[in-house]
Amino acid sequence: METITITCLNDGKTYDLPLGGRLSSVAPETVKDPVSGKEYPVLSALVDHELKSLDFQVFFPHKVEFIGYNNPEGRRCYLRSLSFLLQRAVRNLFPDKLLKINHSLPSGLYCKFRAEHVADEDILRIREEMRRLVSLDLPFTRKKLSSEEAIAIFRAQNQPLKAALQESLGRAFCSVYYLDGVADNFYGPLVPSTGCLKVFDLMPFHHGFCLQYPSDEDITRTIPRHKQKKLTVTLKEYGYWCKATGVVSVGALNRRLLNGGAVSLINLCEARQERGYADLADKVYAVRDKVKIVFLAGPSSSGKTSSSLRLAQQCMVKEMNPKVIELDNYFVSRERTPKDEFGHYDFEALEAMDLELLGDHLNTLLSGGEVELPRYDFKQGKPFFEGKMMHLDENDILIMEGIHALDPAMVPTVDQSRIFRIYASALTSLKLDENCCISTTDNRLLRRMVRDNRVRGISPEETILRWPSVRRGENRYIFPFQENADAQFNTALLYELPLLRYFAEPLLRRILPSSPAYAEAVRLLKFLSYIVALQPAEIDAIPPTSIMREFIGGQTL
């Protein structure tokens, strides 16, 4: 019998499999995290850096790394599978209802029935049915069907968004997963069986519930429950906007573009966003007798810089005089910068800033005094003073943007009633289909990749490999404080994913299979493949003041 040799990167050993043998036959039960030393159950595998399910058949020699929930790809496998488990439980209990997984919130994925509330007793029933399906350890299986067959299945199952997406792609075939005889499709591998999905919970929220999944820190517990009311309102408003434009899913967006509606959509989105900045300026103007400082915070690539400039313009329209202080100039000297658990400088830690100097300067400005602003030299790692002075006149408003701007601990000695706080992020309510909401994190990663390559000369590979560190900083220093904002601003635009596909796809294709960033590049390319790209003539219609010009170039702010 012909055999194929694979090299297991987890233990450094080689294994011989029969031709066409499956990875599951040699997969260990657990893998050890190289940093924490904790053991994690195996969920899937990276085959030559490309994500595969454990039923992957081997026909050629490969290097294989088995992964668990400690790996981002393993977490995505778990969450996709958990979503299928939820849909299957709902279909068992309520075959006449359509469950939509709308968007991600701090406490989990927000889910609701179409056009009706989910009662608390129904949530209890769904949770118990999910637990029953987990106890049966039912396998997830995959088949390749013609698109016509798949579309017919989705329409029969009352899943119009899935059907519309497949129709907009014009492909001959698609992969369909099955659980207990029911079909569905997902955009990546699943775990082997429902028995892998023991940790989850359903938290009643708003008109539906949040699907909670394991915590990164302790996979035996679900993620903590967080305040999320303000963020929910922002996402709900954007959802209403999507409905008003008729673009509630990627399938609908694709149809709009294929029918020649790109430029009109761009104009509509930009008009709405301009009105949003005007509304923000109105809120600042309404409290101008008390407030003199506007803090603007948001995660990486949320468009903070453009937002502060657009807000400044609208403040001038209201006859206020905006002045800007760059928080980056208040970093401490390099030798005083704290380090993270890996021994690297943690420039995103609150202690990396000279909080005493910042507080003194703000109090002096608020009392009518004058301060000499620092300038931070990042090459030397030191602040300098060069005689640049600032004071605030009666109509002046101070605008500052930075990652800690929502944390009261940044300026504890300053009168908090004099500060107006804004949280900005790219919070899309657009969905691929009924199961799959689009990750705002992926949206921001694509934005950053395009900008890093254009402005900073950073390769897409470097951006991907740095992203986990960026995300750790956001989880520690930004997201816990987002509900502190007096106003939240959504910088997402309906046309931006088609725009980002045009710029990001060629960058992602440069990443070689030998790179540790390859699996992420393949995942992002697959995601972008479901989206119709804008054409150069349509991109030219994006105005020079658009927030997207911060990332693709051509901005005149």
Protein backbone atom coordinates (compact mmCIF):
# COMPACT_ATOMS: atom_id res chain seq x y z
CA MET A 1 0.00 0.00 0.00
CA GLU A 2 1.35 3.41 -0.97
CA THR A 3 1.96 5.70 2.00
CA ILE A 4 2.49 9.44 2.42
CA THR A 5 4.80 10.94 5.03
CA ILE A 6 3.74 14.02 6.96
CA THR A 7 5.85 16.00 9.41
CA CYS A 8 4.07 17.03 12.59
CA LEU A 9 5.38 20.42 13.75
CA ASN A 10 3.92 19.95 17.24
CA ASP A 11 6.27 17.12 18.19
CA GLY A 12 8.79 17.14 15.32
CA LYS A 13 7.97 13.54 14.39
CA THR A 14 7.04 12.07 11.01
CA TYR A 15 4.00 9.88 10.38
CA ASP A 16 3.13 7.59 7.48
CA LEU A 17 -0.47 7.64 6.30
CA PRO A 18 -2.05 5.54 3.56
CA LEU A 19 -2.70 7.44 0.35
CA GLY A 20 -5.91 9.41 0.96
CA GLY A 21 -5.69 8.88 4.73
CA ARG A 22 -7.17 11.52 7.01
CA LEU A 23 -5.31 13.76 9.46
CA SER A 24 -7.63 12.65 12.25
CA SER A 25 -5.90 9.25 12.26
CA VAL A 26 -2.65 10.79 13.61
CA ALA A 27 -4.01 13.89 15.40
CA PRO A 28 -3.16 14.11 19.11
CA GLU A 29 -5.98 14.75 21.58
CA THR A 30 -4.39 17.96 22.85
CA VAL A 31 -1.67 20.47 21.96
CA LYS A 32 0.41 22.61 24.30
CA ASP A 33 0.44 26.38 23.96
CA PRO A 34 4.09 27.46 23.55
CA VAL A 35 3.65 30.59 25.71
CA SER A 36 1.33 29.56 28.55
CA GLY A 37 2.15 25.84 28.56
CA LYS A 38 -1.57 25.02 28.83
CA GLU A 39 -3.07 22.03 27.03
CA TYR A 40 -5.85 22.61 24.47
CA PRO A 41 -8.04 20.03 22.70
CA VAL A 42 -7.19 19.73 18.99
CA LEU A 43 -9.84 21.32 16.74
CA SER A 44 -8.23 21.56 13.28
CA ALA A 45 -4.85 21.73 11.55
CA LEU A 46 -2.60 24.02 9.56
CA VAL A 47 -1.37 22.08 6.53
CA ASP A 48 1.62 23.92 5.05
CA HIS A 49 0.26 27.02 6.89
CA GLU A 50 -3.22 26.60 5.37
CA LEU A 51 -6.22 25.83 7.60
CA LYS A 52 -7.82 22.42 7.09
CA SER A 53 -10.33 20.30 8.99
CA LEU A 54 -9.19 17.09 10.65
CA ASP A 55 -10.92 15.04 7.93
CA PHE A 56 -8.46 16.45 5.36
CA GLN A 57 -7.22 13.65 3.10
CA VAL A 58 -3.48 13.37 2.47
CA PHE A 59 -2.22 12.70 -1.07
CA PHE A 60 1.15 14.51 -0.85
CA PRO A 61 3.79 15.06 1.84
CA HIS A 62 2.94 18.00 4.12
CA LYS A 63 4.08 19.86 7.20
CA VAL A 64 1.19 19.81 9.65
CA GLU A 65 0.55 21.77 12.83
CA PHE A 66 -2.43 20.65 14.90
CA ILE A 67 -4.15 23.59 16.60
CA GLY A 68 -6.65 24.25 19.38
CA TYR A 69 -8.59 27.18 20.78
CA ASN A 70 -5.34 28.96 21.65
CA ASN A 71 -4.82 29.62 17.92
CA PRO A 72 -7.01 32.30 16.22
CA GLU A 73 -7.85 29.85 13.43
CA GLY A 74 -8.89 27.25 16.00
CA ARG A 75 -11.17 29.81 17.67
CA ARG A 76 -12.81 30.61 14.33
CA CYS A 77 -13.42 26.88 13.70
CA TYR A 78 -15.07 26.63 17.10
CA LEU A 79 -17.25 29.69 16.56
CA ARG A 80 -18.37 28.60 13.07
CA SER A 81 -19.28 25.18 14.43
CA LEU A 82 -21.06 26.69 17.43
CA SER A 83 -23.13 28.86 15.09
CA PHE A 84 -24.19 25.74 13.14
CA LEU A 85 -25.04 23.98 16.42
CA LEU A 86 -27.23 26.95 17.40
CA GLN A 87 -29.00 27.03 14.03
CA ARG A 88 -29.63 23.27 14.21
CA ALA A 89 -31.12 23.54 17.70
CA VAL A 90 -33.40 26.39 16.64
CA ARG A 91 -34.54 24.45 13.56
CA ASN A 92 -35.38 21.45 15.75
CA LEU A 93 -37.48 23.55 18.13
CA PHE A 94 -38.88 26.26 15.85
CA PRO A 95 -38.88 24.99 12.24
CA ASP A 96 -41.05 27.92 11.11
CA LYS A 97 -38.71 30.63 12.45
CA LEU A 98 -35.58 32.20 10.92
CA LEU A 99 -32.69 32.91 13.29
CA LYS A 100 -30.19 35.57 12.26
CA ILE A 101 -26.74 36.00 13.79
CA ASN A 102 -26.56 39.76 13.40
CA HIS A 103 -23.26 41.08 14.72
CA SER A 104 -20.53 40.71 17.31
CA LEU A 105 -20.87 42.43 20.70
CA PRO A 106 -18.57 42.47 23.76
CA SER A 107 -20.69 39.71 25.34
CA GLY A 108 -20.92 37.49 22.25
CA LEU A 109 -22.73 37.19 18.93
CA TYR A 110 -26.11 38.93 18.95
CA CYS A 111 -28.85 36.65 17.60
CA LYS A 112 -32.59 37.13 17.09
CA PHE A 113 -35.57 35.78 15.23
CA ARG A 114 -36.62 37.73 12.16
CA ALA A 115 -39.32 40.30 12.98
CA GLU A 116 -40.05 39.06 16.52
CA HIS A 117 -38.65 38.90 20.05
CA VAL A 118 -37.11 35.76 21.51
CA ALA A 119 -38.82 34.92 24.80
CA ASP A 120 -36.69 34.02 27.84
CA GLU A 121 -38.30 30.58 28.05
CA ASP A 122 -37.41 29.96 24.39
CA ILE A 123 -33.78 30.84 25.12
CA LEU A 124 -33.75 28.23 27.89
CA ARG A 125 -35.18 25.63 25.50
CA ILE A 126 -32.57 26.47 22.83
CA ARG A 127 -29.74 26.16 25.36
CA GLU A 128 -30.95 22.74 26.51
CA GLU A 129 -31.37 21.52 22.92
CA MET A 130 -27.81 22.62 22.11
CA ARG A 131 -26.54 20.70 25.13
CA ARG A 132 -28.46 17.63 24.00
CA LEU A 133 -26.86 17.80 20.53
CA VAL A 134 -23.42 18.19 22.14
CA SER A 135 -24.00 15.08 24.27
CA LEU A 136 -24.79 13.07 21.10
CA ASP A 137 -21.37 13.98 19.63
CA LEU A 138 -22.81 14.29 16.10
CA PRO A 139 -20.30 14.65 13.24
CA PHE A 140 -20.05 17.66 10.93
CA THR A 141 -19.67 16.47 7.33
CA ARG A 142 -19.03 18.33 4.09
CA LYS A 143 -20.18 17.80 0.51
CA LYS A 144 -19.56 19.70 -2.70
CA LEU A 145 -22.80 20.51 -4.52
CA SER A 146 -23.63 22.43 -7.66
CA SER A 147 -24.61 26.03 -6.89
CA GLU A 148 -28.09 25.33 -8.27
CA GLU A 149 -28.58 22.50 -5.78
CA ALA A 150 -27.23 24.58 -2.89
CA ILE A 151 -29.39 27.60 -3.77
CA ALA A 152 -32.49 25.37 -3.92
CA ILE A 153 -31.65 23.95 -0.46
CA PHE A 154 -31.15 27.41 1.06
CA ARG A 155 -34.40 28.72 -0.38
CA ALA A 156 -36.28 25.67 0.90
CA GLN A 157 -34.77 26.30 4.36
CA ASN A 158 -35.91 29.96 4.31
CA GLN A 159 -32.33 31.32 4.08
CA PRO A 160 -32.66 34.00 1.38
CA LEU A 161 -29.35 35.74 2.19
CA LYS A 162 -27.39 32.52 1.59
CA ALA A 163 -29.20 31.96 -1.69
CA ALA A 164 -28.66 35.58 -2.79
CA LEU A 165 -24.93 35.41 -2.05
CA GLN A 166 -24.44 32.23 -4.08
CA GLU A 167 -26.43 33.72 -6.97
CA SER A 168 -24.31 36.89 -6.96
CA LEU A 169 -21.06 34.90 -7.17
CA GLY A 170 -21.93 32.98 -10.33
CA ARG A 171 -19.91 29.92 -9.31
CA ALA A 172 -20.56 26.38 -10.51
CA PHE A 173 -20.05 24.63 -7.16
CA CYS A 174 -20.00 25.36 -3.43
CA SER A 175 -19.24 23.42 -0.24
CA VAL A 176 -22.18 22.52 1.98
CA TYR A 177 -21.88 21.22 5.53
CA TYR A 178 -24.33 18.81 7.15
CA LEU A 179 -25.28 18.29 10.79
CA ASP A 180 -27.81 15.62 11.65
CA GLY A 181 -29.16 15.65 8.09
CA VAL A 182 -29.57 19.43 7.82
CA ALA A 183 -27.48 21.45 5.33
CA ASP A 184 -25.76 24.80 5.81
CA ASN A 185 -22.62 26.47 4.56
CA PHE A 186 -19.77 28.26 6.27
CA TYR A 187 -16.69 30.02 5.01
CA GLY A 188 -14.04 27.83 6.57
CA PRO A 189 -13.56 24.39 8.20
CA LEU A 190 -15.56 23.14 11.18
CA VAL A 191 -14.55 21.06 14.19
CA PRO A 192 -15.01 17.26 13.87
CA SER A 193 -18.23 16.91 15.90
CA THR A 194 -20.65 18.59 18.29
CA GLY A 195 -18.88 16.93 21.23
CA CYS A 196 -16.07 19.48 20.81
CA LEU A 197 -18.47 22.33 21.66
CA LYS A 198 -19.08 21.83 25.37
CA VAL A 199 -18.42 25.43 26.43
CA PHE A 200 -21.06 28.00 25.44
CA ASP A 201 -23.96 29.95 26.88
CA LEU A 202 -26.93 32.07 25.77
CA MET A 203 -27.40 35.45 27.46
CA PRO A 204 -30.79 37.16 27.03
CA PHE A 205 -30.24 40.58 25.52
CA HIS A 206 -32.42 43.23 23.85
CA HIS A 207 -34.90 41.48 21.49
CA GLY A 208 -32.84 38.29 21.30
CA PHE A 209 -29.76 36.87 22.98
CA CYS A 210 -25.96 36.76 22.83
CA LEU A 211 -24.27 33.48 21.88
CA GLN A 212 -21.31 33.28 24.27
CA TYR A 213 -18.21 31.25 23.46
CA PRO A 214 -15.10 30.24 25.46
CA SER A 215 -12.83 32.90 26.90
CA ASP A 216 -9.33 33.18 25.45
CA GLU A 217 -7.85 33.10 28.96
CA ASP A 218 -9.86 30.14 30.30
CA ILE A 219 -11.53 27.86 27.76
CA THR A 220 -13.59 26.17 30.50
CA ARG A 221 -15.56 29.41 30.95
CA THR A 222 -17.46 31.65 28.54
CA ILE A 223 -16.39 35.20 27.81
CA PRO A 224 -17.34 37.72 30.51
CA ARG A 225 -20.50 39.78 30.26
CA HIS A 226 -19.90 43.45 29.47
CA LYS A 227 -21.84 46.65 29.24
CA GLN A 228 -22.84 47.01 25.60
CA LYS A 229 -25.92 49.26 25.43
CA LYS A 230 -24.32 52.21 23.60
CA LEU A 231 -22.49 49.99 21.14
CA THR A 232 -25.73 48.12 20.45
CA VAL A 233 -27.53 51.36 19.66
CA THR A 234 -24.79 52.33 17.18
CA LEU A 235 -24.97 48.95 15.42
CA LYS A 236 -28.77 49.06 15.40
CA GLU A 237 -28.75 52.49 13.75
CA TYR A 238 -26.36 51.21 11.09
CA GLY A 239 -28.60 48.19 10.57
CA TYR A 240 -31.54 50.53 9.89
CA TRP A 241 -29.34 52.40 7.41
CA CYS A 242 -28.50 49.14 5.61
CA LYS A 243 -32.21 48.30 5.34
CA ALA A 244 -33.03 51.78 4.06
CA THR A 245 -30.49 51.43 1.25
CA GLY A 246 -31.53 47.84 0.48
CA VAL A 247 -27.99 46.60 1.20
CA VAL A 248 -28.36 44.27 4.19
CA SER A 249 -25.99 41.55 2.97
CA VAL A 250 -23.00 40.98 0.73
CA GLY A 251 -25.29 39.38 -1.85
CA ALA A 252 -27.37 42.58 -2.05
CA LEU A 253 -24.20 44.70 -2.17
CA ASN A 254 -22.82 42.60 -5.03
CA ARG A 255 -26.04 42.99 -6.99
CA ARG A 256 -25.93 46.76 -6.47
CA LEU A 257 -22.40 46.96 -7.86
CA LEU A 258 -23.00 44.55 -10.73
CA ASN A 259 -26.00 46.66 -11.77
CA GLY A 260 -23.85 49.79 -12.04
CA GLY A 261 -24.85 51.37 -8.71
CA ALA A 262 -21.37 51.85 -7.21
CA VAL A 263 -21.02 55.62 -7.67
CA SER A 264 -24.51 56.40 -6.39
CA LEU A 265 -23.82 54.21 -3.33
CA ILE A 266 -20.50 55.99 -2.70
CA ASN A 267 -22.21 59.40 -2.88
CA LEU A 268 -24.99 58.29 -0.55
CA CYS A 269 -22.60 56.82 2.04
CA GLU A 270 -20.39 59.91 2.03
CA ALA A 271 -23.40 62.22 2.45
CA ARG A 272 -24.59 60.21 5.45
CA GLN A 273 -21.18 60.23 7.07
CA GLU A 274 -20.76 63.99 6.59
CA ARG A 275 -24.09 64.48 8.31
CA GLY A 276 -22.83 62.28 11.15
CA TYR A 277 -19.81 64.52 11.72
CA ALA A 278 -22.12 67.54 11.68
CA ASP A 279 -24.29 65.89 14.35
CA LEU A 280 -21.17 65.30 16.48
CA ALA A 281 -20.23 68.98 16.16
CA ASP A 282 -23.78 69.93 17.18
CA LYS A 283 -23.41 67.86 20.36
CA VAL A 284 -20.11 69.54 21.19
CA TYR A 285 -21.62 72.97 20.46
CA ALA A 286 -24.55 72.25 22.79
CA VAL A 287 -22.18 71.84 25.77
CA ARG A 288 -19.61 74.49 24.77
CA ASP A 289 -20.28 76.61 27.88
CA LYS A 290 -18.87 73.82 30.05
CA VAL A 291 -16.81 71.56 27.80
CA LYS A 292 -13.45 72.70 26.40
CA ILE A 293 -11.84 69.34 25.59
CA VAL A 294 -12.94 66.64 23.13
CA PHE A 295 -11.28 63.24 23.53
CA LEU A 296 -11.62 60.82 20.60
CA ALA A 297 -10.64 57.16 20.96
CA GLY A 298 -10.96 54.05 18.88
CA PRO A 299 -9.13 50.86 17.92
CA SER A 300 -6.48 50.61 15.21
CA SER A 301 -7.53 51.78 11.73
CA SER A 302 -10.90 53.04 12.92
CA GLY A 303 -10.23 56.36 11.17
CA LYS A 304 -9.46 58.41 14.30
CA THR A 305 -7.17 60.87 12.50
CA SER A 306 -9.64 61.60 9.70
CA SER A 307 -12.51 61.75 12.17
CA SER A 308 -10.76 64.35 14.30
CA LEU A 309 -10.08 66.46 11.19
CA ARG A 310 -13.63 66.10 9.88
CA LEU A 311 -15.00 66.99 13.33
CA ALA A 312 -12.71 70.02 13.46
CA GLN A 313 -14.13 71.22 10.14
CA GLN A 314 -17.69 70.89 11.38
CA CYS A 315 -16.78 72.68 14.62
CA MET A 316 -15.54 75.61 12.52
CA VAL A 317 -18.88 75.65 10.71
CA LYS A 318 -20.46 76.11 14.17
CA GLU A 319 -18.09 79.08 14.76
CA MET A 320 -15.91 77.21 17.22
CA ASN A 321 -12.13 77.30 16.84
CA PRO A 322 -10.68 73.78 17.13
CA LYS A 323 -7.11 73.24 18.30
CA VAL A 324 -5.35 69.89 18.27
CA ILE A 325 -2.88 68.33 20.70
CA GLU A 326 -1.33 65.04 19.61
CA LEU A 327 -1.34 62.63 22.54
CA ASP A 328 1.60 60.76 20.98
CA ASN A 329 3.81 63.68 22.04
CA TYR A 330 3.17 62.83 25.68
CA PHE A 331 5.03 59.51 25.69
CA VAL A 332 7.60 59.04 28.46
CA SER A 333 11.29 58.55 27.64
CA ARG A 334 12.12 55.12 26.28
CA GLU A 335 13.86 53.96 29.47
CA ARG A 336 10.64 54.65 31.42
CA THR A 337 8.41 52.77 28.95
CA PRO A 338 6.84 49.65 30.52
CA LYS A 339 7.33 46.22 28.97
CA ASP A 340 4.77 43.51 28.25
CA GLU A 341 4.84 39.85 29.31
CA PHE A 342 7.12 39.07 26.34
CA GLY A 343 9.73 41.64 27.35
CA HIS A 344 8.84 44.08 24.53
CA TYR A 345 8.14 47.78 25.02
CA ASP A 346 4.41 48.23 25.58
CA PHE A 347 3.75 51.57 23.89
CA GLU A 348 0.00 51.04 24.25
CA ALA A 349 0.07 50.80 28.06
CA LEU A 350 -1.33 53.78 29.94
CA GLU A 351 1.97 54.06 31.83
CA ALA A 352 3.79 54.70 28.53
CA MET A 353 2.39 58.24 28.69
CA ASP A 354 3.53 61.10 30.91
CA LEU A 355 0.19 61.37 32.68
CA GLU A 356 1.36 63.94 35.22
CA LEU A 357 2.57 66.35 32.53
CA LEU A 358 -0.58 65.83 30.45
CA GLY A 359 -2.83 66.50 33.45
CA ASP A 360 -0.87 69.62 34.40
CA HIS A 361 -1.08 70.97 30.84
CA LEU A 362 -4.84 70.38 30.55
CA ASN A 363 -5.55 71.99 33.94
CA THR A 364 -3.40 74.99 33.00
CA LEU A 365 -5.24 75.40 29.68
CA LEU A 366 -8.65 75.06 31.36
CA SER A 367 -7.74 77.76 33.87
CA GLY A 368 -6.78 80.19 31.09
CA GLY A 369 -3.03 79.66 31.25
CA GLU A 370 -0.45 78.90 28.56
CA VAL A 371 1.63 75.73 28.14
CA GLU A 372 4.69 74.75 26.13
CA LEU A 373 3.81 71.64 24.12
CA PRO A 374 6.25 68.72 23.94
CA ARG A 375 7.36 67.06 20.72
CA TYR A 376 8.30 63.40 20.94
CA ASP A 377 11.27 62.16 18.92
CA PHE A 378 10.48 58.52 18.22
CA LYS A 379 13.95 57.78 16.84
CA GLN A 380 15.68 58.95 20.03
CA GLY A 381 12.85 57.89 22.31
CA LYS A 382 12.70 61.23 24.14
CA PRO A 383 10.40 64.26 24.39
CA PHE A 384 11.69 67.73 23.49
CA PHE A 385 10.43 71.26 24.08
CA GLU A 386 10.92 73.69 21.21
CA GLY A 387 8.98 76.76 22.31
CA LYS A 388 5.61 75.83 20.79
CA MET A 389 3.06 77.51 23.06
CA MET A 390 -0.70 77.07 23.36
CA HIS A 391 -3.58 78.66 25.24
CA LEU A 392 -7.36 78.47 24.86
CA ASP A 393 -9.47 81.50 23.96
CA GLU A 394 -13.21 81.73 24.55
CA ASN A 395 -14.27 80.03 21.29
CA ASP A 396 -11.43 77.49 21.26
CA ILE A 397 -12.15 73.78 21.62
CA LEU A 398 -9.31 71.31 22.22
CA ILE A 399 -9.47 68.04 20.24
CA MET A 400 -7.23 65.12 21.23
CA GLU A 401 -7.27 61.59 19.81
CA GLY A 402 -5.61 58.53 21.28
CA ILE A 403 -6.25 54.99 22.44
CA HIS A 404 -6.65 55.91 26.14
CA ALA A 405 -9.00 58.84 25.61
CA LEU A 406 -11.99 57.00 27.16
CA ASP A 407 -10.11 55.85 30.26
CA PRO A 408 -10.74 58.25 33.17
CA ALA A 409 -7.40 57.14 34.65
CA MET A 410 -5.59 59.00 31.84
CA VAL A 411 -6.34 62.42 33.38
CA PRO A 412 -7.69 61.75 36.89
CA THR A 413 -6.81 65.26 38.15
CA VAL A 414 -8.77 67.02 35.38
CA ASP A 415 -12.42 68.03 35.90
CA GLN A 416 -14.23 65.27 33.95
CA SER A 417 -17.24 67.50 33.31
CA ARG A 418 -15.04 69.66 31.05
CA ILE A 419 -14.37 66.69 28.73
CA PHE A 420 -16.58 65.31 25.92
CA ARG A 421 -15.61 61.78 24.91
CA ILE A 422 -16.18 60.13 21.50
CA TYR A 423 -15.66 56.49 20.54
CA ALA A 424 -15.05 55.84 16.83
CA SER A 425 -14.85 52.46 15.15
CA ALA A 426 -15.76 50.71 11.89
CA LEU A 427 -18.87 48.87 13.10
CA THR A 428 -20.47 47.15 10.15
CA SER A 429 -23.87 45.45 10.38
CA LEU A 430 -23.42 43.94 6.92
CA LYS A 431 -23.70 40.14 6.81
CA LEU A 432 -22.46 37.45 4.46
CA ASP A 433 -25.62 35.49 5.22
CA GLU A 434 -27.93 34.48 8.08
CA ASN A 435 -25.07 32.79 9.97
CA CYS A 436 -22.05 34.93 9.24
CA CYS A 437 -21.71 38.53 10.29
CA ILE A 438 -18.70 40.40 8.94
CA SER A 439 -15.96 40.90 11.50
CA THR A 440 -15.19 44.55 12.22
CA THR A 441 -11.73 43.32 13.17
CA ASP A 442 -11.16 41.96 9.64
CA ASN A 443 -12.43 45.24 8.22
CA ARG A 444 -9.89 47.21 10.25
CA LEU A 445 -7.06 44.77 9.47
CA LEU A 446 -7.63 45.25 5.74
CA ARG A 447 -7.68 49.03 6.19
CA ARG A 448 -4.41 48.91 8.14
CA MET A 449 -2.74 46.59 5.64
CA VAL A 450 -3.47 48.91 2.73
CA ARG A 451 -2.34 52.02 4.65
CA ASP A 452 0.78 50.39 6.15
CA ASN A 453 1.97 49.30 2.74
CA ARG A 454 1.26 52.66 1.09
CA VAL A 455 2.49 55.06 3.79
CA ARG A 456 4.90 53.17 6.02
CA GLY A 457 6.42 50.65 3.63
CA ILE A 458 5.29 47.78 5.85
CA SER A 459 4.60 44.52 4.04
CA PRO A 460 1.20 42.82 4.34
CA GLU A 461 2.98 39.90 6.00
CA GLU A 462 4.37 42.20 8.73
CA THR A 463 0.94 43.78 9.29
CA ILE A 464 -0.67 40.36 9.78
CA LEU A 465 2.05 39.15 12.16
CA ARG A 466 1.85 42.36 14.25
CA TRP A 467 -1.95 42.25 14.43
CA PRO A 468 -2.25 39.90 17.48
CA SER A 469 -0.18 42.37 19.52
CA VAL A 470 -2.40 45.23 18.35
CA ARG A 471 -5.49 43.25 19.32
CA ARG A 472 -4.11 42.52 22.80
CA GLY A 473 -3.63 46.25 23.34
CA GLU A 474 -7.17 47.01 22.17
CA ASN A 475 -8.66 44.39 24.48
CA ARG A 476 -6.77 45.82 27.43
CA TYR A 477 -6.87 49.55 26.87
CA ILE A 478 -9.78 50.44 24.55
CA PHE A 479 -12.73 48.04 24.51
CA PRO A 480 -13.27 47.96 28.31
CA PHE A 481 -13.94 51.72 28.22
CA GLN A 482 -16.03 52.14 25.06
CA GLU A 483 -19.26 52.56 27.04
CA ASN A 484 -17.71 55.64 28.74
CA ALA A 485 -18.18 57.62 25.53
CA ASP A 486 -20.64 60.53 25.44
CA ALA A 487 -21.10 59.78 21.72
CA GLN A 488 -20.21 56.86 19.46
CA PHE A 489 -19.40 57.33 15.80
CA ASN A 490 -19.46 54.58 13.20
CA THR A 491 -16.80 55.08 10.53
CA ALA A 492 -17.87 52.06 8.43
CA LEU A 493 -19.01 52.66 4.85
CA LEU A 494 -21.10 50.23 2.82
CA TYR A 495 -18.80 50.44 -0.19
CA GLU A 496 -15.51 49.98 1.66
CA LEU A 497 -15.13 46.19 1.41
CA PRO A 498 -15.41 46.30 -2.41
CA LEU A 499 -12.86 49.13 -2.26
CA LEU A 500 -10.52 47.27 0.07
CA ARG A 501 -10.70 44.13 -2.09
CA TYR A 502 -9.30 46.14 -5.01
CA PHE A 503 -6.28 47.28 -2.96
CA ALA A 504 -5.75 44.41 -0.49
CA GLU A 505 -6.12 41.37 -2.74
CA PRO A 506 -2.85 41.96 -4.69
CA LEU A 507 -1.00 42.56 -1.40
CA LEU A 508 -2.27 39.33 0.16
CA ARG A 509 -1.28 37.32 -2.91
CA ARG A 510 2.37 38.30 -2.32
CA ILE A 511 2.50 36.26 0.89
CA LEU A 512 4.23 32.94 0.20
CA PRO A 513 3.04 29.52 1.44
CA SER A 514 6.19 29.26 3.56
CA SER A 515 5.18 32.32 5.60
CA PRO A 516 3.55 32.00 9.05
CA ALA A 517 1.12 34.68 7.80
CA TYR A 518 -0.04 32.48 4.91
CA ALA A 519 -3.03 30.92 6.70
CA GLU A 520 -4.41 34.34 7.55
CA ALA A 521 -3.75 35.58 4.01
CA VAL A 522 -5.67 32.59 2.56
CA ARG A 523 -8.57 33.22 4.95
CA LEU A 524 -8.77 36.92 4.04
CA LEU A 525 -8.52 36.15 0.32
CA LYS A 526 -11.37 33.66 0.62
CA PHE A 527 -13.46 36.24 2.47
CA LEU A 528 -12.74 38.91 -0.16
CA SER A 529 -13.60 36.46 -2.94
CA TYR A 530 -17.27 36.74 -1.94
CA ILE A 531 -17.24 40.49 -2.58
CA VAL A 532 -17.37 42.23 -5.96
CA ALA A 533 -14.47 44.70 -6.24
CA LEU A 534 -14.84 48.35 -7.21
CA GLN A 535 -13.34 49.42 -10.53
CA PRO A 536 -10.79 52.29 -10.90
CA ALA A 537 -13.35 54.67 -12.41
CA GLU A 538 -15.67 54.02 -9.46
CA ILE A 539 -12.83 54.54 -6.97
CA ASP A 540 -12.16 57.95 -8.56
CA ALA A 541 -15.63 59.00 -7.39
CA ILE A 542 -14.59 58.77 -3.71
CA PRO A 543 -14.21 62.38 -2.49
CA PRO A 544 -10.79 63.62 -1.28
CA THR A 545 -12.21 64.29 2.21
CA SER A 546 -13.45 60.71 2.63
CA ILE A 547 -12.25 58.73 5.62
CA MET A 548 -11.25 55.96 3.18
CA ARG A 549 -8.72 58.32 1.60
CA GLU A 550 -6.74 58.02 4.85
CA PHE A 551 -6.07 54.42 3.82
CA ILE A 552 -5.95 54.43 0.01
CA GLY A 553 -4.42 57.91 -0.48
CA GLY A 554 -5.55 61.14 -2.09
CA GLN A 555 -6.90 62.81 1.05
CA THR A 556 -6.96 66.62 1.18
CA LEU A 557 -7.90 67.12 4.84
